[in-house]
Amino acid sequence: MEKPSAPLPPPLPQTLERQLSIEEPKTLLNGELDLAREAAMKIMKTHTKEEALEIFTKGLVPVTISKETDMDTVVSDWDEE
């Protein structure tokens, strides 16, 4: 007669691999939108138009279309980092 075997350990979780996909854009809740609007209005009231524009656009990266990709694909320089 065979000895009963010890229970098998649970299987190791499979490692998740990063897959390229189009991610859903992050959205703000209504309260967060209100706070963002208030902050934007404060900036517009306390700065010149040029300063406000610089504040609002700081950190943005221009988007370019690459000839090597499909016409429906939009690529930015930020994607390469």
PDB file of N, CA and C in Angstrom:
ATOM      1  N   MET A   1       0.834  -1.172   0.000  1.00  0.00           N
ATOM      2  CA  MET A   1       0.000   0.000   0.000  1.00  0.00           C
ATOM      3  C   MET A   1       0.886   1.245   0.000  1.00  0.00           C
ATOM      4  N   GLU A   2       0.504   2.240  -0.821  1.00  0.00           N
ATOM      5  CA  GLU A   2       1.310   3.450  -0.939  1.00  0.00           C
ATOM      6  C   GLU A   2       0.991   4.427   0.176  1.00  0.00           C
ATOM      7  N   LYS A   3       2.021   5.169   0.570  1.00  0.00           N
ATOM      8  CA  LYS A   3       1.812   6.212   1.570  1.00  0.00           C
ATOM      9  C   LYS A   3       1.056   7.366   0.914  1.00  0.00           C
ATOM     10  N   PRO A   4       0.152   7.995   1.637  1.00  0.00           N
ATOM     11  CA  PRO A   4      -0.509   9.168   1.050  1.00  0.00           C
ATOM     12  C   PRO A   4       0.530  10.279   0.875  1.00  0.00           C
ATOM     13  N   SER A   5       0.505  10.902  -0.275  1.00  0.00           N
ATOM     14  CA  SER A   5       1.487  11.952  -0.548  1.00  0.00           C
ATOM     15  C   SER A   5       1.066  13.258   0.117  1.00  0.00           C
ATOM     16  N   ALA A   6       2.071  14.063   0.390  1.00  0.00           N
ATOM     17  CA  ALA A   6       1.799  15.367   0.996  1.00  0.00           C
ATOM     18  C   ALA A   6       1.066  16.229  -0.025  1.00  0.00           C
ATOM     19  N   PRO A   7       0.224  17.124   0.456  1.00  0.00           N
ATOM     20  CA  PRO A   7      -0.494  17.979  -0.497  1.00  0.00           C
ATOM     21  C   PRO A   7       0.497  18.853  -1.275  1.00  0.00           C
ATOM     22  N   LEU A   8       0.171  19.069  -2.524  1.00  0.00           N
ATOM     23  CA  LEU A   8       1.027  19.888  -3.372  1.00  0.00           C
ATOM     24  C   LEU A   8       0.937  21.354  -2.944  1.00  0.00           C
ATOM     25  N   PRO A   9       2.056  22.053  -3.005  1.00  0.00           N
ATOM     26  CA  PRO A   9       1.999  23.480  -2.683  1.00  0.00           C
ATOM     27  C   PRO A   9       1.198  24.209  -3.758  1.00  0.00           C
ATOM     28  N   PRO A  10       0.614  25.342  -3.403  1.00  0.00           N
ATOM     29  CA  PRO A  10      -0.156  26.071  -4.414  1.00  0.00           C
ATOM     30  C   PRO A  10       0.773  26.522  -5.542  1.00  0.00           C
ATOM     31  N   PRO A  11       0.241  26.585  -6.748  1.00  0.00           N
ATOM     32  CA  PRO A  11       1.097  26.986  -7.871  1.00  0.00           C
ATOM     33  C   PRO A  11       1.570  28.429  -7.692  1.00  0.00           C
ATOM     34  N   LEU A  12       2.778  28.687  -8.163  1.00  0.00           N
ATOM     35  CA  LEU A  12       3.314  30.042  -8.083  1.00  0.00           C
ATOM     36  C   LEU A  12       2.532  30.945  -9.030  1.00  0.00           C
ATOM     37  N   PRO A  13       2.268  32.166  -8.602  1.00  0.00           N
ATOM     38  CA  PRO A  13       1.541  33.059  -9.509  1.00  0.00           C
ATOM     39  C   PRO A  13       2.401  33.358 -10.736  1.00  0.00           C
ATOM     40  N   GLN A  14       1.754  33.382 -11.871  1.00  0.00           N
ATOM     41  CA  GLN A  14       2.483  33.688 -13.096  1.00  0.00           C
ATOM     42  C   GLN A  14       2.866  35.161 -13.080  1.00  0.00           C
ATOM     43  N   THR A  15       4.050  35.437 -13.561  1.00  0.00           N
ATOM     44  CA  THR A  15       4.467  36.832 -13.612  1.00  0.00           C
ATOM     45  C   THR A  15       3.703  37.530 -14.722  1.00  0.00           C
ATOM     46  N   LEU A  16       3.286  38.730 -14.424  1.00  0.00           N
ATOM     47  CA  LEU A  16       2.563  39.500 -15.418  1.00  0.00           C
ATOM     48  C   LEU A  16       3.557  40.137 -16.369  1.00  0.00           C
ATOM     49  N   GLU A  17       3.280  40.015 -17.625  1.00  0.00           N
ATOM     50  CA  GLU A  17       4.136  40.629 -18.626  1.00  0.00           C
ATOM     51  C   GLU A  17       3.460  41.887 -19.131  1.00  0.00           C
ATOM     52  N   ARG A  18       4.266  42.918 -19.311  1.00  0.00           N
ATOM     53  CA  ARG A  18       3.721  44.169 -19.812  1.00  0.00           C
ATOM     54  C   ARG A  18       3.349  43.995 -21.276  1.00  0.00           C
ATOM     55  N   GLN A  19       2.128  44.366 -21.598  1.00  0.00           N
ATOM     56  CA  GLN A  19       1.665  44.283 -22.968  1.00  0.00           C
ATOM     57  C   GLN A  19       1.340  45.686 -23.455  1.00  0.00           C
ATOM     58  N   LEU A  20       1.658  45.939 -24.698  1.00  0.00           N
ATOM     59  CA  LEU A  20       1.313  47.225 -25.270  1.00  0.00           C
ATOM     60  C   LEU A  20      -0.190  47.274 -25.488  1.00  0.00           C
ATOM     61  N   SER A  21      -0.797  48.324 -25.033  1.00  0.00           N
ATOM     62  CA  SER A  21      -2.229  48.480 -25.224  1.00  0.00           C
ATOM     63  C   SER A  21      -2.575  49.953 -25.137  1.00  0.00           C
ATOM     64  N   ILE A  22      -3.746  50.263 -25.580  1.00  0.00           N
ATOM     65  CA  ILE A  22      -4.235  51.631 -25.435  1.00  0.00           C
ATOM     66  C   ILE A  22      -4.927  51.687 -24.087  1.00  0.00           C
ATOM     67  N   GLU A  23      -4.410  52.516 -23.208  1.00  0.00           N
ATOM     68  CA  GLU A  23      -4.979  52.603 -21.874  1.00  0.00           C
ATOM     69  C   GLU A  23      -6.109  53.617 -21.850  1.00  0.00           C
ATOM     70  N   GLU A  24      -7.076  53.346 -21.025  1.00  0.00           N
ATOM     71  CA  GLU A  24      -8.181  54.274 -20.818  1.00  0.00           C
ATOM     72  C   GLU A  24      -7.623  55.537 -20.178  1.00  0.00           C
ATOM     73  N   PRO A  25      -7.979  56.708 -20.708  1.00  0.00           N
ATOM     74  CA  PRO A  25      -7.458  57.930 -20.084  1.00  0.00           C
ATOM     75  C   PRO A  25      -7.975  58.072 -18.658  1.00  0.00           C
ATOM     76  N   LYS A  26      -7.142  58.608 -17.797  1.00  0.00           N
ATOM     77  CA  LYS A  26      -7.554  58.797 -16.413  1.00  0.00           C
ATOM     78  C   LYS A  26      -8.562  59.931 -16.355  1.00  0.00           C
ATOM     79  N   THR A  27      -9.576  59.748 -15.555  1.00  0.00           N
ATOM     80  CA  THR A  27     -10.602  60.776 -15.424  1.00  0.00           C
ATOM     81  C   THR A  27     -10.659  61.246 -13.984  1.00  0.00           C
ATOM     82  N   LEU A  28     -11.160  62.448 -13.808  1.00  0.00           N
ATOM     83  CA  LEU A  28     -11.292  63.017 -12.473  1.00  0.00           C
ATOM     84  C   LEU A  28     -12.729  62.896 -12.001  1.00  0.00           C
ATOM     85  N   LEU A  29     -12.885  62.782 -10.708  1.00  0.00           N
ATOM     86  CA  LEU A  29     -14.217  62.804 -10.116  1.00  0.00           C
ATOM     87  C   LEU A  29     -14.722  64.241 -10.137  1.00  0.00           C
ATOM     88  N   ASN A  30     -16.026  64.438  -9.951  1.00  0.00           N
ATOM     89  CA  ASN A  30     -16.594  65.788 -10.009  1.00  0.00           C
ATOM     90  C   ASN A  30     -15.930  66.736  -9.024  1.00  0.00           C
ATOM     91  N   GLY A  31     -15.675  66.291  -7.810  1.00  0.00           N
ATOM     92  CA  GLY A  31     -15.020  67.143  -6.818  1.00  0.00           C
ATOM     93  C   GLY A  31     -13.616  67.530  -7.247  1.00  0.00           C
ATOM     94  N   GLU A  32     -12.904  66.571  -7.855  1.00  0.00           N
ATOM     95  CA  GLU A  32     -11.555  66.847  -8.342  1.00  0.00           C
ATOM     96  C   GLU A  32     -11.580  67.832  -9.510  1.00  0.00           C
ATOM     97  N   LEU A  33     -12.593  67.700 -10.374  1.00  0.00           N
ATOM     98  CA  LEU A  33     -12.741  68.647 -11.481  1.00  0.00           C
ATOM     99  C   LEU A  33     -12.986  70.056 -10.955  1.00  0.00           C
ATOM    100  N   ASP A  34     -13.837  70.170  -9.942  1.00  0.00           N
ATOM    101  CA  ASP A  34     -14.120  71.484  -9.351  1.00  0.00           C
ATOM    102  C   ASP A  34     -12.853  72.106  -8.777  1.00  0.00           C
ATOM    103  N   LEU A  35     -12.057  71.307  -8.064  1.00  0.00           N
ATOM    104  CA  LEU A  35     -10.799  71.820  -7.501  1.00  0.00           C
ATOM    105  C   LEU A  35      -9.834  72.255  -8.604  1.00  0.00           C
ATOM    106  N   ALA A  36      -9.769  71.480  -9.684  1.00  0.00           N
ATOM    107  CA  ALA A  36      -8.884  71.828 -10.798  1.00  0.00           C
ATOM    108  C   ALA A  36      -9.337  73.125 -11.454  1.00  0.00           C
ATOM    109  N   ARG A  37     -10.651  73.288 -11.620  1.00  0.00           N
ATOM    110  CA  ARG A  37     -11.174  74.532 -12.205  1.00  0.00           C
ATOM    111  C   ARG A  37     -10.849  75.730 -11.320  1.00  0.00           C
ATOM    112  N   GLU A  38     -11.044  75.560 -10.018  1.00  0.00           N
ATOM    113  CA  GLU A  38     -10.747  76.651  -9.083  1.00  0.00           C
ATOM    114  C   GLU A  38      -9.267  77.025  -9.134  1.00  0.00           C
ATOM    115  N   ALA A  39      -8.395  76.026  -9.173  1.00  0.00           N
ATOM    116  CA  ALA A  39      -6.956  76.290  -9.237  1.00  0.00           C
ATOM    117  C   ALA A  39      -6.599  76.994 -10.544  1.00  0.00           C
ATOM    118  N   ALA A  40      -7.218  76.570 -11.643  1.00  0.00           N
ATOM    119  CA  ALA A  40      -6.949  77.202 -12.936  1.00  0.00           C
ATOM    120  C   ALA A  40      -7.418  78.656 -12.936  1.00  0.00           C
ATOM    121  N   MET A  41      -8.586  78.910 -12.365  1.00  0.00           N
ATOM    122  CA  MET A  41      -9.096  80.288 -12.293  1.00  0.00           C
ATOM    123  C   MET A  41      -8.178  81.161 -11.445  1.00  0.00           C
ATOM    124  N   LYS A  42      -7.672  80.610 -10.350  1.00  0.00           N
ATOM    125  CA  LYS A  42      -6.765  81.376  -9.488  1.00  0.00           C
ATOM    126  C   LYS A  42      -5.497  81.748 -10.255  1.00  0.00           C
ATOM    127  N   ILE A  43      -4.965  80.800 -11.015  1.00  0.00           N
ATOM    128  CA  ILE A  43      -3.761  81.065 -11.810  1.00  0.00           C
ATOM    129  C   ILE A  43      -4.047  82.141 -12.853  1.00  0.00           C
ATOM    130  N   MET A  44      -5.207  82.045 -13.509  1.00  0.00           N
ATOM    131  CA  MET A  44      -5.545  83.017 -14.547  1.00  0.00           C
ATOM    132  C   MET A  44      -5.744  84.421 -13.973  1.00  0.00           C
ATOM    133  N   LYS A  45      -6.223  84.499 -12.738  1.00  0.00           N
ATOM    134  CA  LYS A  45      -6.463  85.805 -12.117  1.00  0.00           C
ATOM    135  C   LYS A  45      -5.197  86.422 -11.539  1.00  0.00           C
ATOM    136  N   THR A  46      -4.219  85.601 -11.190  1.00  0.00           N
ATOM    137  CA  THR A  46      -3.026  86.112 -10.502  1.00  0.00           C
ATOM    138  C   THR A  46      -1.776  86.150 -11.379  1.00  0.00           C
ATOM    139  N   HIS A  47      -1.896  85.740 -12.639  1.00  0.00           N
ATOM    140  CA  HIS A  47      -0.747  85.722 -13.547  1.00  0.00           C
ATOM    141  C   HIS A  47      -1.140  86.351 -14.880  1.00  0.00           C
ATOM    142  N   THR A  48      -0.134  86.768 -15.630  1.00  0.00           N
ATOM    143  CA  THR A  48      -0.396  87.254 -16.984  1.00  0.00           C
ATOM    144  C   THR A  48      -0.809  86.069 -17.855  1.00  0.00           C
ATOM    145  N   LYS A  49      -1.356  86.366 -19.031  1.00  0.00           N
ATOM    146  CA  LYS A  49      -1.750  85.294 -19.951  1.00  0.00           C
ATOM    147  C   LYS A  49      -0.549  84.424 -20.323  1.00  0.00           C
ATOM    148  N   GLU A  50       0.587  85.072 -20.535  1.00  0.00           N
ATOM    149  CA  GLU A  50       1.790  84.331 -20.923  1.00  0.00           C
ATOM    150  C   GLU A  50       2.255  83.407 -19.797  1.00  0.00           C
ATOM    151  N   GLU A  51       2.241  83.925 -18.557  1.00  0.00           N
ATOM    152  CA  GLU A  51       2.656  83.100 -17.412  1.00  0.00           C
ATOM    153  C   GLU A  51       1.694  81.934 -17.205  1.00  0.00           C
ATOM    154  N   ALA A  52       0.393  82.213 -17.323  1.00  0.00           N
ATOM    155  CA  ALA A  52      -0.608  81.154 -17.150  1.00  0.00           C
ATOM    156  C   ALA A  52      -0.430  80.071 -18.209  1.00  0.00           C
ATOM    157  N   LEU A  53      -0.205  80.494 -19.450  1.00  0.00           N
ATOM    158  CA  LEU A  53       0.003  79.523 -20.526  1.00  0.00           C
ATOM    159  C   LEU A  53       1.218  78.651 -20.241  1.00  0.00           C
ATOM    160  N   GLU A  54       2.283  79.265 -19.754  1.00  0.00           N
ATOM    161  CA  GLU A  54       3.495  78.505 -19.428  1.00  0.00           C
ATOM    162  C   GLU A  54       3.224  77.507 -18.297  1.00  0.00           C
ATOM    163  N   ILE A  55       2.465  77.929 -17.288  1.00  0.00           N
ATOM    164  CA  ILE A  55       2.130  77.035 -16.170  1.00  0.00           C
ATOM    165  C   ILE A  55       1.299  75.855 -16.662  1.00  0.00           C
ATOM    166  N   PHE A  56       0.282  76.141 -17.487  1.00  0.00           N
ATOM    167  CA  PHE A  56      -0.619  75.085 -17.946  1.00  0.00           C
ATOM    168  C   PHE A  56       0.037  74.114 -18.915  1.00  0.00           C
ATOM    169  N   THR A  57       1.034  74.571 -19.653  1.00  0.00           N
ATOM    170  CA  THR A  57       1.641  73.700 -20.666  1.00  0.00           C
ATOM    171  C   THR A  57       2.993  73.132 -20.253  1.00  0.00           C
ATOM    172  N   LYS A  58       3.453  73.457 -19.059  1.00  0.00           N
ATOM    173  CA  LYS A  58       4.749  72.954 -18.596  1.00  0.00           C
ATOM    174  C   LYS A  58       4.722  71.420 -18.545  1.00  0.00           C
ATOM    175  N   GLY A  59       5.727  70.808 -19.131  1.00  0.00           N
ATOM    176  CA  GLY A  59       5.832  69.348 -19.100  1.00  0.00           C
ATOM    177  C   GLY A  59       5.150  68.641 -20.253  1.00  0.00           C
ATOM    178  N   LEU A  60       4.395  69.369 -21.077  1.00  0.00           N
ATOM    179  CA  LEU A  60       3.753  68.719 -22.216  1.00  0.00           C
ATOM    180  C   LEU A  60       4.793  68.418 -23.285  1.00  0.00           C
ATOM    181  N   VAL A  61       4.589  67.319 -23.994  1.00  0.00           N
ATOM    182  CA  VAL A  61       5.516  66.899 -25.039  1.00  0.00           C
ATOM    183  C   VAL A  61       4.766  66.930 -26.368  1.00  0.00           C
ATOM    184  N   PRO A  62       5.342  67.534 -27.403  1.00  0.00           N
ATOM    185  CA  PRO A  62       4.656  67.568 -28.702  1.00  0.00           C
ATOM    186  C   PRO A  62       4.416  66.159 -29.238  1.00  0.00           C
ATOM    187  N   VAL A  63       3.291  65.975 -29.897  1.00  0.00           N
ATOM    188  CA  VAL A  63       2.943  64.696 -30.503  1.00  0.00           C
ATOM    189  C   VAL A  63       3.237  64.791 -31.988  1.00  0.00           C
ATOM    190  N   THR A  64       3.908  63.776 -32.516  1.00  0.00           N
ATOM    191  CA  THR A  64       4.230  63.755 -33.944  1.00  0.00           C
ATOM    192  C   THR A  64       3.737  62.455 -34.546  1.00  0.00           C
ATOM    193  N   ILE A  65       3.510  62.458 -35.839  1.00  0.00           N
ATOM    194  CA  ILE A  65       3.108  61.240 -36.541  1.00  0.00           C
ATOM    195  C   ILE A  65       4.329  60.712 -37.276  1.00  0.00           C
ATOM    196  N   SER A  66       4.644  59.455 -37.036  1.00  0.00           N
ATOM    197  CA  SER A  66       5.801  58.829 -37.669  1.00  0.00           C
ATOM    198  C   SER A  66       5.377  58.220 -38.999  1.00  0.00           C
ATOM    199  N   LYS A  67       6.213  58.347 -40.018  1.00  0.00           N
ATOM    200  CA  LYS A  67       5.916  57.762 -41.321  1.00  0.00           C
ATOM    201  C   LYS A  67       6.017  56.245 -41.285  1.00  0.00           C
ATOM    202  N   GLU A  68       6.718  55.704 -40.285  1.00  0.00           N
ATOM    203  CA  GLU A  68       6.922  54.262 -40.200  1.00  0.00           C
ATOM    204  C   GLU A  68       5.736  53.539 -39.570  1.00  0.00           C
ATOM    205  N   THR A  69       4.798  54.261 -38.993  1.00  0.00           N
ATOM    206  CA  THR A  69       3.664  53.628 -38.336  1.00  0.00           C
ATOM    207  C   THR A  69       2.422  53.773 -39.193  1.00  0.00           C
ATOM    208  N   ASP A  70       1.369  53.094 -38.786  1.00  0.00           N
ATOM    209  CA  ASP A  70       0.090  53.244 -39.460  1.00  0.00           C
ATOM    210  C   ASP A  70      -0.387  54.681 -39.293  1.00  0.00           C
ATOM    211  N   MET A  71      -1.188  55.134 -40.195  1.00  0.00           N
ATOM    212  CA  MET A  71      -1.684  56.504 -40.114  1.00  0.00           C
ATOM    213  C   MET A  71      -2.569  56.704 -38.883  1.00  0.00           C
ATOM    214  N   ASP A  72      -3.173  55.635 -38.362  1.00  0.00           N
ATOM    215  CA  ASP A  72      -4.039  55.752 -37.192  1.00  0.00           C
ATOM    216  C   ASP A  72      -3.255  55.784 -35.886  1.00  0.00           C
ATOM    217  N   THR A  73      -1.956  55.581 -35.936  1.00  0.00           N
ATOM    218  CA  THR A  73      -1.136  55.529 -34.735  1.00  0.00           C
ATOM    219  C   THR A  73      -0.469  56.872 -34.509  1.00  0.00           C
ATOM    220  N   VAL A  74      -0.632  57.409 -33.316  1.00  0.00           N
ATOM    221  CA  VAL A  74      -0.003  58.676 -32.963  1.00  0.00           C
ATOM    222  C   VAL A  74       1.136  58.380 -32.008  1.00  0.00           C
ATOM    223  N   VAL A  75       2.297  58.946 -32.281  1.00  0.00           N
ATOM    224  CA  VAL A  75       3.493  58.684 -31.490  1.00  0.00           C
ATOM    225  C   VAL A  75       4.038  60.007 -30.981  1.00  0.00           C
ATOM    226  N   SER A  76       4.552  59.998 -29.763  1.00  0.00           N
ATOM    227  CA  SER A  76       5.212  61.199 -29.256  1.00  0.00           C
ATOM    228  C   SER A  76       6.637  60.843 -28.869  1.00  0.00           C
ATOM    229  N   ASP A  77       7.464  61.865 -28.743  1.00  0.00           N
ATOM    230  CA  ASP A  77       8.845  61.640 -28.325  1.00  0.00           C
ATOM    231  C   ASP A  77       8.900  61.022 -26.939  1.00  0.00           C
ATOM    232  N   TRP A  78       7.891  61.259 -26.117  1.00  0.00           N
ATOM    233  CA  TRP A  78       7.827  60.752 -24.755  1.00  0.00           C
ATOM    234  C   TRP A  78       7.771  59.224 -24.741  1.00  0.00           C
ATOM    235  N   ASP A  79       7.151  58.601 -25.773  1.00  0.00           N
ATOM    236  CA  ASP A  79       7.000  57.148 -25.824  1.00  0.00           C
ATOM    237  C   ASP A  79       8.336  56.425 -25.904  1.00  0.00           C
ATOM    238  N   GLU A  80       9.373  57.091 -26.393  1.00  0.00           N
ATOM    239  CA  GLU A  80      10.656  56.436 -26.594  1.00  0.00           C
ATOM    240  C   GLU A  80      11.467  56.319 -25.324  1.00  0.00           C
ATOM    241  N   GLU A  81      11.086  57.020 -24.270  1.00  0.00           N
ATOM    242  CA  GLU A  81      11.873  56.994 -23.028  1.00  0.00           C
ATOM    243  C   GLU A  81      11.563  55.782 -22.208  1.00  0.00           C
TER     244      GLU A  81
END
